[in-house]
Amino acid sequence: MASDQIRQMVNFILQEAHEKANEIRVKTEHDFNLEKQTLVHEAKLNIQEEFAKKEKDREIQERIARSAEVGECRVKKMKIRDDLLNSLLEEAASKCAVVARGQNYPQLVQKLIVQGLIKIEENEITVYCRGDDVKTVQKVLPDAVKEYVDIMKKESTVMLEPKVVLNGDRSKDLLDSTHGGIMLTAINGKIVCDNTMASRLGLVYEELLPSIRAILFPEDQ
């Protein structure tokens, strides 16, 4: 009788132990599966985030590359246009040089001197020119001064007696790149009137540049 009770107690203890062990196993497996799911989910999120980051970096690099390519094309386009405009200006300058060798050049120089005298309105003026134009300026200077005096007398009834001289220092002659024309100075060079062909061409070029661009590059309009 006592042995039966002991056996029952042993069996009860063993059953409890098995049930407890099974409960621990089930809980352990559940916790393991839950932890595994969590780790897998986190790994997926990390992979997705890494992929999204790499995709974003790739898009940024593509945009940078496209922007650099567009910028490079724009620079090349601007250079081609500048080269075209510069060649146009150089061609116009070469034609100015032809004018300076023409038979009507002395009359042009005289008109440029008169314009400069009117603009400066000083009594003591020095005229500068290229070395090749010295004889031409010497020839027309008296007539230019007379024309200037006559114009001022007609406009203001004042008889002027300006002292207009040609620069005597040949080292200070204008450069050939001026393509001709003259430069007038007064008050020790403080007042300057640049009436060279290059200067006149530059003024005309700047004034006509919008129209020139519209003709050469109509796609920008």
N, C-alpha and C. Protein backbone atom coordinates (compact mmCIF):
# COMPACT_ATOMS: atom_id res chain seq x y z
N MET A 1 0.84 -1.20 0.00
CA MET A 1 0.00 0.00 0.00
C MET A 1 0.86 1.24 0.00
N ALA A 2 1.85 1.22 0.88
CA ALA A 2 2.76 2.37 0.97
C ALA A 2 3.58 2.48 -0.29
N SER A 3 3.96 1.31 -0.87
CA SER A 3 4.77 1.35 -2.09
C SER A 3 3.97 1.89 -3.25
N ASP A 4 2.66 1.61 -3.30
CA ASP A 4 1.80 2.15 -4.36
C ASP A 4 1.72 3.66 -4.28
N GLN A 5 1.57 4.14 -3.11
CA GLN A 5 1.50 5.60 -2.93
C GLN A 5 2.81 6.26 -3.35
N ILE A 6 3.93 5.58 -3.00
CA ILE A 6 5.23 6.14 -3.38
C ILE A 6 5.37 6.17 -4.89
N ARG A 7 4.90 5.05 -5.56
CA ARG A 7 4.99 4.96 -7.02
C ARG A 7 4.14 6.03 -7.66
N GLN A 8 2.91 6.24 -7.09
CA GLN A 8 2.04 7.28 -7.63
C GLN A 8 2.70 8.66 -7.51
N MET A 9 3.33 8.88 -6.37
CA MET A 9 4.00 10.16 -6.16
C MET A 9 5.15 10.35 -7.15
N VAL A 10 5.88 9.26 -7.36
CA VAL A 10 7.01 9.32 -8.31
C VAL A 10 6.50 9.62 -9.71
N ASN A 11 5.39 8.85 -10.06
CA ASN A 11 4.81 9.07 -11.39
C ASN A 11 4.30 10.51 -11.55
N PHE A 12 3.69 11.02 -10.48
CA PHE A 12 3.17 12.39 -10.52
C PHE A 12 4.31 13.40 -10.71
N ILE A 13 5.39 13.14 -9.98
CA ILE A 13 6.55 14.03 -10.07
C ILE A 13 7.15 13.97 -11.47
N LEU A 14 7.27 12.71 -11.99
CA LEU A 14 7.83 12.55 -13.34
C LEU A 14 6.96 13.24 -14.40
N GLN A 15 5.60 13.05 -14.21
CA GLN A 15 4.68 13.68 -15.16
C GLN A 15 4.80 15.20 -15.10
N GLU A 16 4.87 15.71 -13.89
CA GLU A 16 5.04 17.15 -13.71
C GLU A 16 6.35 17.62 -14.35
N ALA A 17 7.38 16.81 -14.19
CA ALA A 17 8.69 17.18 -14.76
C ALA A 17 8.62 17.21 -16.28
N HIS A 18 7.93 16.15 -16.85
CA HIS A 18 7.79 16.10 -18.31
C HIS A 18 6.98 17.29 -18.82
N GLU A 19 5.90 17.58 -18.11
CA GLU A 19 5.04 18.70 -18.53
C GLU A 19 5.81 20.02 -18.43
N LYS A 20 6.56 20.14 -17.34
CA LYS A 20 7.34 21.38 -17.17
C LYS A 20 8.42 21.48 -18.25
N ALA A 21 9.07 20.33 -18.53
CA ALA A 21 10.12 20.34 -19.56
C ALA A 21 9.52 20.68 -20.93
N ASN A 22 8.30 20.06 -21.17
CA ASN A 22 7.64 20.34 -22.46
C ASN A 22 7.23 21.81 -22.55
N GLU A 23 6.74 22.34 -21.43
CA GLU A 23 6.35 23.76 -21.39
C GLU A 23 7.56 24.66 -21.66
N ILE A 24 8.70 24.29 -21.04
CA ILE A 24 9.92 25.07 -21.25
C ILE A 24 10.36 24.97 -22.71
N ARG A 25 10.25 23.73 -23.29
CA ARG A 25 10.65 23.55 -24.68
C ARG A 25 9.79 24.37 -25.63
N VAL A 26 8.46 24.31 -25.38
CA VAL A 26 7.54 25.08 -26.24
C VAL A 26 7.83 26.58 -26.13
N LYS A 27 8.00 27.05 -24.89
CA LYS A 27 8.27 28.47 -24.69
C LYS A 27 9.59 28.87 -25.33
N THR A 28 10.59 27.96 -25.20
CA THR A 28 11.90 28.25 -25.79
C THR A 28 11.81 28.34 -27.31
N GLU A 29 11.07 27.36 -27.90
CA GLU A 29 10.90 27.38 -29.35
C GLU A 29 10.14 28.62 -29.79
N HIS A 30 9.11 28.99 -29.01
CA HIS A 30 8.32 30.18 -29.35
C HIS A 30 9.20 31.44 -29.29
N ASP A 31 9.96 31.52 -28.18
CA ASP A 31 10.85 32.68 -28.04
C ASP A 31 11.91 32.71 -29.15
N PHE A 32 12.41 31.49 -29.50
CA PHE A 32 13.42 31.41 -30.55
C PHE A 32 12.85 31.85 -31.89
N ASN A 33 11.64 31.32 -32.18
CA ASN A 33 10.99 31.69 -33.45
C ASN A 33 10.67 33.18 -33.50
N LEU A 34 10.23 33.71 -32.36
CA LEU A 34 9.92 35.14 -32.31
C LEU A 34 11.18 35.98 -32.51
N GLU A 35 12.26 35.55 -31.85
CA GLU A 35 13.53 36.26 -32.00
C GLU A 35 14.05 36.14 -33.43
N LYS A 36 13.87 34.94 -34.02
CA LYS A 36 14.32 34.73 -35.39
C LYS A 36 13.52 35.62 -36.35
N GLN A 37 12.21 35.70 -36.13
CA GLN A 37 11.38 36.56 -36.98
C GLN A 37 11.80 38.02 -36.84
N THR A 38 12.08 38.39 -35.59
CA THR A 38 12.51 39.78 -35.35
C THR A 38 13.82 40.07 -36.07
N LEU A 39 14.76 39.13 -35.94
CA LEU A 39 16.07 39.30 -36.61
C LEU A 39 15.92 39.33 -38.12
N VAL A 40 15.07 38.44 -38.65
CA VAL A 40 14.85 38.41 -40.10
C VAL A 40 14.21 39.70 -40.57
N HIS A 41 13.22 40.17 -39.80
CA HIS A 41 12.53 41.42 -40.15
C HIS A 41 13.50 42.61 -40.12
N GLU A 42 14.32 42.65 -39.07
CA GLU A 42 15.31 43.72 -38.98
C GLU A 42 16.32 43.63 -40.11
N ALA A 43 16.71 42.39 -40.44
CA ALA A 43 17.66 42.21 -41.55
C ALA A 43 17.05 42.69 -42.86
N LYS A 44 15.76 42.36 -43.07
CA LYS A 44 15.08 42.82 -44.28
C LYS A 44 15.02 44.35 -44.34
N LEU A 45 14.69 44.94 -43.16
CA LEU A 45 14.63 46.41 -43.11
C LEU A 45 16.00 47.02 -43.42
N ASN A 46 17.04 46.41 -42.84
CA ASN A 46 18.40 46.92 -43.09
C ASN A 46 18.77 46.80 -44.56
N ILE A 47 18.40 45.65 -45.16
CA ILE A 47 18.68 45.45 -46.59
C ILE A 47 17.92 46.46 -47.43
N GLN A 48 16.63 46.67 -47.07
CA GLN A 48 15.81 47.64 -47.81
C GLN A 48 16.37 49.05 -47.66
N GLU A 49 16.78 49.39 -46.42
CA GLU A 49 17.35 50.72 -46.20
C GLU A 49 18.66 50.88 -46.96
N GLU A 50 19.49 49.83 -46.95
CA GLU A 50 20.76 49.89 -47.67
C GLU A 50 20.52 50.01 -49.17
N PHE A 51 19.54 49.26 -49.67
CA PHE A 51 19.21 49.33 -51.09
C PHE A 51 18.69 50.71 -51.45
N ALA A 52 17.79 51.24 -50.58
CA ALA A 52 17.24 52.57 -50.83
C ALA A 52 18.34 53.62 -50.82
N LYS A 53 19.28 53.48 -49.88
CA LYS A 53 20.39 54.43 -49.80
C LYS A 53 21.27 54.35 -51.05
N LYS A 54 21.58 53.10 -51.47
CA LYS A 54 22.39 52.94 -52.67
C LYS A 54 21.66 53.46 -53.91
N GLU A 55 20.35 53.23 -53.96
CA GLU A 55 19.56 53.73 -55.10
C GLU A 55 19.55 55.24 -55.12
N LYS A 56 19.39 55.83 -53.91
CA LYS A 56 19.41 57.29 -53.81
C LYS A 56 20.78 57.85 -54.21
N ASP A 57 21.84 57.17 -53.72
CA ASP A 57 23.20 57.60 -54.09
C ASP A 57 23.42 57.49 -55.60
N ARG A 58 22.88 56.40 -56.19
CA ARG A 58 23.02 56.22 -57.63
C ARG A 58 22.29 57.32 -58.39
N GLU A 59 21.07 57.67 -57.93
CA GLU A 59 20.31 58.74 -58.57
C GLU A 59 21.03 60.08 -58.45
N ILE A 60 21.60 60.31 -57.26
CA ILE A 60 22.34 61.56 -57.05
C ILE A 60 23.55 61.62 -57.98
N GLN A 61 24.27 60.51 -58.08
CA GLN A 61 25.44 60.48 -58.97
C GLN A 61 25.04 60.66 -60.42
N GLU A 62 23.90 60.09 -60.80
CA GLU A 62 23.40 60.26 -62.17
C GLU A 62 23.04 61.72 -62.43
N ARG A 63 22.38 62.35 -61.45
CA ARG A 63 22.02 63.77 -61.61
C ARG A 63 23.27 64.64 -61.70
N ILE A 64 24.27 64.31 -60.85
CA ILE A 64 25.53 65.06 -60.89
C ILE A 64 26.20 64.90 -62.25
N ALA A 65 26.21 63.66 -62.74
CA ALA A 65 26.84 63.39 -64.04
C ALA A 65 26.10 64.11 -65.16
N ARG A 66 24.74 64.07 -65.11
CA ARG A 66 23.95 64.77 -66.13
C ARG A 66 24.18 66.26 -66.07
N SER A 67 24.21 66.78 -64.83
CA SER A 67 24.43 68.21 -64.66
C SER A 67 25.81 68.62 -65.18
N ALA A 68 26.82 67.78 -64.88
CA ALA A 68 28.17 68.08 -65.35
C ALA A 68 28.23 68.02 -66.87
N GLU A 69 27.51 67.04 -67.45
CA GLU A 69 27.50 66.91 -68.91
C GLU A 69 26.81 68.10 -69.55
N VAL A 70 25.66 68.51 -68.95
CA VAL A 70 24.95 69.68 -69.47
C VAL A 70 25.81 70.93 -69.34
N GLY A 71 26.48 71.07 -68.18
CA GLY A 71 27.36 72.23 -67.98
C GLY A 71 28.50 72.25 -68.97
N GLU A 72 29.08 71.07 -69.22
CA GLU A 72 30.19 70.98 -70.18
C GLU A 72 29.72 71.34 -71.59
N CYS A 73 28.52 70.84 -71.94
CA CYS A 73 27.97 71.16 -73.27
C CYS A 73 27.68 72.66 -73.38
N ARG A 74 27.18 73.24 -72.27
CA ARG A 74 26.88 74.67 -72.29
C ARG A 74 28.16 75.49 -72.46
N VAL A 75 29.21 75.06 -71.74
CA VAL A 75 30.50 75.77 -71.86
C VAL A 75 31.03 75.67 -73.28
N LYS A 76 30.97 74.45 -73.87
CA LYS A 76 31.43 74.28 -75.25
C LYS A 76 30.62 75.13 -76.21
N LYS A 77 29.30 75.18 -75.97
CA LYS A 77 28.42 75.97 -76.83
C LYS A 77 28.76 77.45 -76.73
N MET A 78 28.99 77.91 -75.49
CA MET A 78 29.35 79.32 -75.29
C MET A 78 30.69 79.64 -75.94
N LYS A 79 31.65 78.70 -75.84
CA LYS A 79 32.96 78.94 -76.44
C LYS A 79 32.86 79.03 -77.96
N ILE A 80 32.06 78.13 -78.54
CA ILE A 80 31.88 78.15 -79.99
C ILE A 80 31.26 79.47 -80.42
N ARG A 81 30.28 79.94 -79.64
CA ARG A 81 29.63 81.20 -79.97
C ARG A 81 30.58 82.37 -79.81
N ASP A 82 31.35 82.35 -78.71
CA ASP A 82 32.32 83.43 -78.50
C ASP A 82 33.36 83.46 -79.61
N ASP A 83 33.81 82.26 -80.00
CA ASP A 83 34.79 82.19 -81.09
C ASP A 83 34.20 82.76 -82.38
N LEU A 84 32.92 82.46 -82.63
CA LEU A 84 32.27 82.97 -83.83
C LEU A 84 32.15 84.48 -83.79
N LEU A 85 31.74 85.01 -82.63
CA LEU A 85 31.61 86.46 -82.49
C LEU A 85 32.97 87.15 -82.60
N ASN A 86 34.00 86.52 -81.99
CA ASN A 86 35.34 87.10 -82.06
C ASN A 86 35.86 87.10 -83.50
N SER A 87 35.57 86.01 -84.23
CA SER A 87 36.01 85.96 -85.63
C SER A 87 35.30 87.02 -86.45
N LEU A 88 34.03 87.26 -86.10
CA LEU A 88 33.27 88.31 -86.79
C LEU A 88 33.88 89.68 -86.51
N LEU A 89 34.26 89.90 -85.25
CA LEU A 89 34.87 91.17 -84.87
C LEU A 89 36.24 91.33 -85.54
N GLU A 90 37.01 90.24 -85.60
CA GLU A 90 38.33 90.29 -86.25
C GLU A 90 38.19 90.59 -87.74
N GLU A 91 37.17 90.02 -88.35
CA GLU A 91 36.94 90.28 -89.78
C GLU A 91 36.59 91.74 -90.00
N ALA A 92 35.74 92.27 -89.09
CA ALA A 92 35.37 93.69 -89.20
C ALA A 92 36.60 94.57 -88.99
N ALA A 93 37.47 94.17 -88.05
CA ALA A 93 38.70 94.93 -87.79
C ALA A 93 39.61 94.94 -89.01
N SER A 94 39.68 93.79 -89.69
CA SER A 94 40.52 93.73 -90.89
C SER A 94 39.99 94.66 -91.98
N LYS A 95 38.67 94.82 -92.02
CA LYS A 95 38.09 95.75 -93.01
C LYS A 95 38.37 97.20 -92.61
N CYS A 96 38.45 97.44 -91.29
CA CYS A 96 38.84 98.79 -90.84
C CYS A 96 40.25 99.10 -91.31
N ALA A 97 41.11 98.09 -91.25
CA ALA A 97 42.48 98.29 -91.71
C ALA A 97 42.52 98.61 -93.20
N VAL A 98 41.59 98.02 -93.96
CA VAL A 98 41.50 98.31 -95.40
C VAL A 98 41.08 99.76 -95.61
N VAL A 99 40.13 100.22 -94.78
CA VAL A 99 39.67 101.61 -94.86
C VAL A 99 40.84 102.56 -94.63
N ALA A 100 41.71 102.20 -93.67
CA ALA A 100 42.85 103.06 -93.33
C ALA A 100 43.85 103.16 -94.47
N ARG A 101 43.74 102.25 -95.44
CA ARG A 101 44.63 102.31 -96.59
C ARG A 101 43.94 102.91 -97.82
N GLY A 102 42.66 103.29 -97.65
CA GLY A 102 41.89 103.80 -98.78
C GLY A 102 42.16 105.27 -99.07
N GLN A 103 41.72 105.73 -100.23
CA GLN A 103 41.99 107.11 -100.66
C GLN A 103 41.17 108.13 -99.89
N ASN A 104 40.08 107.69 -99.27
CA ASN A 104 39.24 108.62 -98.50
C ASN A 104 39.63 108.69 -97.02
N TYR A 105 40.69 107.97 -96.65
CA TYR A 105 41.10 107.92 -95.25
C TYR A 105 41.47 109.30 -94.69
N PRO A 106 42.16 110.18 -95.42
CA PRO A 106 42.49 111.50 -94.87
C PRO A 106 41.24 112.29 -94.47
N GLN A 107 40.20 112.24 -95.30
CA GLN A 107 38.96 112.94 -94.95
C GLN A 107 38.33 112.36 -93.68
N LEU A 108 38.43 111.03 -93.54
CA LEU A 108 37.90 110.38 -92.33
C LEU A 108 38.68 110.83 -91.11
N VAL A 109 40.00 110.86 -91.21
CA VAL A 109 40.83 111.30 -90.08
C VAL A 109 40.48 112.74 -89.70
N GLN A 110 40.27 113.59 -90.67
CA GLN A 110 39.90 114.98 -90.38
C GLN A 110 38.58 115.03 -89.62
N LYS A 111 37.60 114.25 -90.03
CA LYS A 111 36.30 114.24 -89.35
C LYS A 111 36.45 113.71 -87.92
N LEU A 112 37.30 112.72 -87.74
CA LEU A 112 37.52 112.16 -86.40
C LEU A 112 38.18 113.19 -85.48
N ILE A 113 39.09 113.97 -86.03
CA ILE A 113 39.73 115.02 -85.23
C ILE A 113 38.71 116.08 -84.83
N VAL A 114 37.88 116.49 -85.78
CA VAL A 114 36.85 117.51 -85.50
C VAL A 114 35.90 117.00 -84.41
N GLN A 115 35.46 115.76 -84.53
CA GLN A 115 34.56 115.18 -83.53
C GLN A 115 35.22 115.17 -82.15
N GLY A 116 36.49 114.79 -82.12
CA GLY A 116 37.21 114.75 -80.85
C GLY A 116 37.37 116.13 -80.23
N LEU A 117 37.66 117.13 -81.04
CA LEU A 117 37.80 118.50 -80.53
C LEU A 117 36.48 119.01 -79.95
N ILE A 118 35.39 118.70 -80.63
CA ILE A 118 34.07 119.13 -80.14
C ILE A 118 33.75 118.44 -78.81
N LYS A 119 34.13 117.20 -78.72
CA LYS A 119 33.83 116.44 -77.50
C LYS A 119 34.67 116.91 -76.32
N ILE A 120 35.94 117.18 -76.54
CA ILE A 120 36.83 117.57 -75.45
C ILE A 120 36.60 119.01 -75.01
N GLU A 121 36.45 119.93 -75.99
CA GLU A 121 36.22 121.35 -75.69
C GLU A 121 37.31 121.93 -74.80
N GLU A 122 38.56 121.73 -75.18
CA GLU A 122 39.69 122.31 -74.45
C GLU A 122 40.54 123.12 -75.44
N ASN A 123 41.32 124.06 -74.92
CA ASN A 123 42.12 124.93 -75.79
C ASN A 123 43.48 124.33 -76.15
N GLU A 124 44.02 123.46 -75.30
CA GLU A 124 45.31 122.85 -75.58
C GLU A 124 45.12 121.34 -75.68
N ILE A 125 45.32 120.84 -76.87
CA ILE A 125 45.03 119.43 -77.15
C ILE A 125 46.18 118.80 -77.92
N THR A 126 46.49 117.55 -77.55
CA THR A 126 47.51 116.77 -78.26
C THR A 126 46.84 115.63 -79.01
N VAL A 127 47.23 115.48 -80.27
CA VAL A 127 46.67 114.43 -81.11
C VAL A 127 47.67 113.29 -81.23
N TYR A 128 47.21 112.06 -81.04
CA TYR A 128 48.05 110.87 -81.18
C TYR A 128 47.53 110.03 -82.36
N CYS A 129 48.44 109.40 -83.06
CA CYS A 129 48.07 108.54 -84.17
C CYS A 129 49.11 107.44 -84.33
N ARG A 130 48.87 106.54 -85.26
CA ARG A 130 49.87 105.52 -85.57
C ARG A 130 51.05 106.16 -86.31
N GLY A 131 52.18 105.48 -86.28
CA GLY A 131 53.34 105.99 -87.00
C GLY A 131 53.07 106.14 -88.49
N ASP A 132 52.28 105.19 -89.04
CA ASP A 132 51.96 105.24 -90.47
C ASP A 132 51.05 106.39 -90.84
N ASP A 133 50.38 106.97 -89.83
CA ASP A 133 49.40 108.02 -90.11
C ASP A 133 49.92 109.42 -89.81
N VAL A 134 51.18 109.53 -89.40
CA VAL A 134 51.72 110.83 -89.01
C VAL A 134 51.59 111.85 -90.14
N LYS A 135 52.00 111.49 -91.32
CA LYS A 135 51.94 112.43 -92.45
C LYS A 135 50.51 112.81 -92.79
N THR A 136 49.62 111.84 -92.70
CA THR A 136 48.20 112.12 -92.99
C THR A 136 47.63 113.11 -91.98
N VAL A 137 47.92 112.89 -90.70
CA VAL A 137 47.41 113.78 -89.66
C VAL A 137 48.02 115.18 -89.80
N GLN A 138 49.31 115.22 -90.08
CA GLN A 138 49.96 116.53 -90.28
C GLN A 138 49.30 117.30 -91.42
N LYS A 139 48.88 116.58 -92.43
CA LYS A 139 48.28 117.22 -93.61
C LYS A 139 46.89 117.76 -93.32
N VAL A 140 46.07 116.99 -92.58
CA VAL A 140 44.66 117.38 -92.39
C VAL A 140 44.44 118.17 -91.11
N LEU A 141 45.40 118.20 -90.18
CA LEU A 141 45.20 118.84 -88.89
C LEU A 141 44.80 120.31 -89.00
N PRO A 142 45.47 121.13 -89.83
CA PRO A 142 45.07 122.54 -89.93
C PRO A 142 43.62 122.71 -90.40
N ASP A 143 43.21 121.92 -91.40
CA ASP A 143 41.84 122.00 -91.89
C ASP A 143 40.84 121.53 -90.83
N ALA A 144 41.24 120.52 -90.06
CA ALA A 144 40.36 120.02 -89.00
C ALA A 144 40.15 121.08 -87.93
N VAL A 145 41.22 121.76 -87.53
CA VAL A 145 41.11 122.82 -86.52
C VAL A 145 40.23 123.96 -87.04
N LYS A 146 40.43 124.31 -88.30
CA LYS A 146 39.63 125.39 -88.90
C LYS A 146 38.15 125.00 -88.94
N GLU A 147 37.89 123.77 -89.32
CA GLU A 147 36.51 123.31 -89.37
C GLU A 147 35.88 123.35 -87.98
N TYR A 148 36.65 122.93 -86.99
CA TYR A 148 36.16 122.95 -85.59
C TYR A 148 35.86 124.38 -85.15
N VAL A 149 36.77 125.32 -85.45
CA VAL A 149 36.57 126.72 -85.06
C VAL A 149 35.33 127.28 -85.74
N ASP A 150 35.15 126.97 -87.01
CA ASP A 150 33.98 127.47 -87.74
C ASP A 150 32.68 126.93 -87.15
N ILE A 151 32.69 125.66 -86.78
CA ILE A 151 31.49 125.04 -86.20
C ILE A 151 31.15 125.71 -84.87
N MET A 152 32.15 125.89 -84.02
CA MET A 152 31.92 126.48 -82.71
C MET A 152 31.47 127.95 -82.83
N LYS A 153 32.03 128.66 -83.82
CA LYS A 153 31.64 130.05 -84.04
C LYS A 153 30.18 130.12 -84.48
N LYS A 154 29.81 129.20 -85.35
CA LYS A 154 28.43 129.18 -85.85
C LYS A 154 27.45 128.83 -84.74
N GLU A 155 27.84 127.91 -83.86
CA GLU A 155 26.95 127.44 -82.81
C GLU A 155 26.89 128.40 -81.62
N SER A 156 28.02 129.06 -81.31
CA SER A 156 28.06 129.88 -80.09
C SER A 156 28.49 131.33 -80.32
N THR A 157 28.83 131.66 -81.57
CA THR A 157 29.31 133.00 -81.92
C THR A 157 30.62 133.35 -81.22
N VAL A 158 31.29 132.34 -80.65
CA VAL A 158 32.58 132.56 -79.97
C VAL A 158 33.70 132.11 -80.91
N MET A 159 34.70 132.98 -81.06
CA MET A 159 35.83 132.67 -81.92
C MET A 159 36.93 132.04 -81.08
N LEU A 160 37.12 130.74 -81.23
CA LEU A 160 38.12 130.02 -80.44
C LEU A 160 39.48 130.03 -81.15
N GLU A 161 40.53 129.91 -80.35
CA GLU A 161 41.89 129.79 -80.90
C GLU A 161 42.60 128.62 -80.21
N PRO A 162 42.11 127.43 -80.49
CA PRO A 162 42.69 126.25 -79.81
C PRO A 162 44.12 125.96 -80.28
N LYS A 163 44.90 125.42 -79.37
CA LYS A 163 46.26 125.00 -79.70
C LYS A 163 46.24 123.47 -79.80
N VAL A 164 46.21 123.02 -81.04
CA VAL A 164 46.13 121.57 -81.29
C VAL A 164 47.42 121.13 -81.96
N VAL A 165 48.14 120.23 -81.30
CA VAL A 165 49.44 119.78 -81.82
C VAL A 165 49.47 118.26 -81.96
N LEU A 166 50.25 117.80 -82.88
CA LEU A 166 50.46 116.36 -83.05
C LEU A 166 51.56 115.91 -82.10
N ASN A 167 51.35 114.79 -81.45
CA ASN A 167 52.35 114.22 -80.55
C ASN A 167 53.68 114.07 -81.28
N GLY A 168 54.74 114.59 -80.68
CA GLY A 168 56.06 114.54 -81.31
C GLY A 168 56.91 113.38 -80.85
N ASP A 169 56.46 112.64 -79.84
CA ASP A 169 57.23 111.50 -79.33
C ASP A 169 56.76 110.24 -80.05
N ARG A 170 57.56 109.77 -81.00
CA ARG A 170 57.16 108.62 -81.82
C ARG A 170 57.03 107.33 -80.99
N SER A 171 57.64 107.30 -79.83
CA SER A 171 57.51 106.10 -78.99
C SER A 171 56.11 106.00 -78.38
N LYS A 172 55.36 107.11 -78.46
CA LYS A 172 54.00 107.12 -77.91
C LYS A 172 52.94 107.03 -79.00
N ASP A 173 53.38 106.72 -80.21
CA ASP A 173 52.42 106.55 -81.30
C ASP A 173 51.45 105.41 -80.97
N LEU A 174 50.26 105.47 -81.52
CA LEU A 174 49.27 104.43 -81.29
C LEU A 174 49.71 103.12 -81.94
N LEU A 175 49.24 102.03 -81.37
CA LEU A 175 49.59 100.71 -81.89
C LEU A 175 48.84 100.42 -83.19
N ASP A 176 49.40 99.54 -83.99
CA ASP A 176 48.74 99.15 -85.24
C ASP A 176 47.40 98.46 -84.97
N SER A 177 47.25 97.89 -83.78
CA SER A 177 46.00 97.20 -83.43
C SER A 177 44.81 98.16 -83.33
N THR A 178 45.09 99.48 -83.32
CA THR A 178 43.98 100.45 -83.32
C THR A 178 43.37 100.57 -84.70
N HIS A 179 44.07 100.04 -85.72
CA HIS A 179 43.59 100.02 -87.11
C HIS A 179 43.40 101.42 -87.69
N GLY A 180 44.01 102.42 -87.10
CA GLY A 180 43.91 103.78 -87.63
C GLY A 180 43.08 104.67 -86.72
N GLY A 181 42.79 105.88 -87.22
CA GLY A 181 42.07 106.83 -86.40
C GLY A 181 43.01 107.63 -85.53
N ILE A 182 42.45 108.37 -84.58
CA ILE A 182 43.28 109.21 -83.72
C ILE A 182 42.79 109.15 -82.27
N MET A 183 43.64 109.68 -81.38
CA MET A 183 43.28 109.83 -79.98
C MET A 183 43.69 111.23 -79.55
N LEU A 184 42.78 111.93 -78.87
CA LEU A 184 43.06 113.29 -78.42
C LEU A 184 43.14 113.30 -76.90
N THR A 185 44.09 114.09 -76.36
CA THR A 185 44.20 114.23 -74.92
C THR A 185 44.34 115.70 -74.54
N ALA A 186 43.94 116.02 -73.33
CA ALA A 186 44.06 117.38 -72.82
C ALA A 186 44.35 117.33 -71.32
N ILE A 187 44.81 118.44 -70.81
CA ILE A 187 45.14 118.58 -69.38
C ILE A 187 46.06 117.44 -68.94
N ASN A 188 47.20 117.32 -69.64
CA ASN A 188 48.22 116.32 -69.30
C ASN A 188 47.67 114.89 -69.27
N GLY A 189 46.78 114.60 -70.20
CA GLY A 189 46.26 113.24 -70.32
C GLY A 189 45.09 112.93 -69.41
N LYS A 190 44.62 113.91 -68.63
CA LYS A 190 43.49 113.67 -67.74
C LYS A 190 42.17 113.53 -68.51
N ILE A 191 42.13 114.18 -69.67
CA ILE A 191 40.95 114.05 -70.54
C ILE A 191 41.40 113.33 -71.81
N VAL A 192 40.69 112.26 -72.16
CA VAL A 192 41.06 111.46 -73.33
C VAL A 192 39.83 111.21 -74.18
N CYS A 193 40.00 111.40 -75.47
CA CYS A 193 38.95 111.05 -76.43
C CYS A 193 39.53 110.03 -77.40
N ASP A 194 39.08 108.79 -77.27
CA ASP A 194 39.58 107.71 -78.12
C ASP A 194 38.72 107.62 -79.37
N ASN A 195 39.24 108.13 -80.48
CA ASN A 195 38.53 108.09 -81.75
C ASN A 195 39.28 107.21 -82.75
N THR A 196 39.87 106.13 -82.21
CA THR A 196 40.55 105.19 -83.10
C THR A 196 39.50 104.31 -83.79
N MET A 197 39.92 103.67 -84.86
CA MET A 197 39.02 102.78 -85.59
C MET A 197 38.60 101.60 -84.70
N ALA A 198 39.54 101.10 -83.90
CA ALA A 198 39.23 99.97 -83.01
C ALA A 198 38.20 100.37 -81.98
N SER A 199 38.34 101.59 -81.43
CA SER A 199 37.39 102.06 -80.43
C SER A 199 36.01 102.24 -81.04
N ARG A 200 35.95 102.85 -82.22
CA ARG A 200 34.68 103.07 -82.91
C ARG A 200 34.02 101.73 -83.25
N LEU A 201 34.84 100.79 -83.69
CA LEU A 201 34.32 99.46 -84.01
C LEU A 201 33.76 98.79 -82.77
N GLY A 202 34.48 98.93 -81.65
CA GLY A 202 34.01 98.34 -80.39
C GLY A 202 32.67 98.90 -79.96
N LEU A 203 32.48 100.21 -80.10
CA LEU A 203 31.22 100.84 -79.74
C LEU A 203 30.08 100.34 -80.62
N VAL A 204 30.34 100.27 -81.91
CA VAL A 204 29.32 99.79 -82.85
C VAL A 204 28.99 98.32 -82.56
N TYR A 205 30.03 97.54 -82.28
CA TYR A 205 29.85 96.12 -82.00
C TYR A 205 28.97 95.91 -80.77
N GLU A 206 29.26 96.64 -79.69
CA GLU A 206 28.47 96.51 -78.47
C GLU A 206 27.02 96.94 -78.70
N GLU A 207 26.85 97.96 -79.50
CA GLU A 207 25.50 98.46 -79.77
C GLU A 207 24.69 97.44 -80.60
N LEU A 208 25.37 96.79 -81.54
CA LEU A 208 24.68 95.86 -82.44
C LEU A 208 24.70 94.42 -81.95
N LEU A 209 25.39 94.15 -80.83
CA LEU A 209 25.55 92.78 -80.36
C LEU A 209 24.22 92.04 -80.18
N PRO A 210 23.19 92.65 -79.57
CA PRO A 210 21.90 91.93 -79.45
C PRO A 210 21.34 91.53 -80.81
N SER A 211 21.44 92.42 -81.79
CA SER A 211 20.93 92.11 -83.13
C SER A 211 21.79 91.03 -83.79
N ILE A 212 23.09 91.10 -83.57
CA ILE A 212 23.99 90.10 -84.13
C ILE A 212 23.68 88.72 -83.54
N ARG A 213 23.47 88.67 -82.23
CA ARG A 213 23.13 87.40 -81.58
C ARG A 213 21.81 86.85 -82.11
N ALA A 214 20.85 87.74 -82.32
CA ALA A 214 19.54 87.30 -82.82
C ALA A 214 19.66 86.70 -84.22
N ILE A 215 20.56 87.24 -85.01
CA ILE A 215 20.76 86.74 -86.38
C ILE A 215 21.52 85.42 -86.36
N LEU A 216 22.60 85.35 -85.56
CA LEU A 216 23.44 84.17 -85.53
C LEU A 216 22.84 83.02 -84.72
N PHE A 217 22.13 83.36 -83.64
CA PHE A 217 21.59 82.33 -82.74
C PHE A 217 20.09 82.54 -82.54
N PRO A 218 19.29 82.37 -83.58
CA PRO A 218 17.83 82.63 -83.47
C PRO A 218 17.13 81.69 -82.49
N GLU A 219 17.74 80.52 -82.20
CA GLU A 219 17.09 79.57 -81.29
C GLU A 219 16.98 80.09 -79.88
N ASP A 220 17.79 81.12 -79.55
CA ASP A 220 17.75 81.69 -78.20
C ASP A 220 16.67 82.74 -78.04
N GLN A 221 16.07 83.14 -79.14
CA GLN A 221 15.09 84.22 -79.08
C GLN A 221 13.72 83.70 -78.64
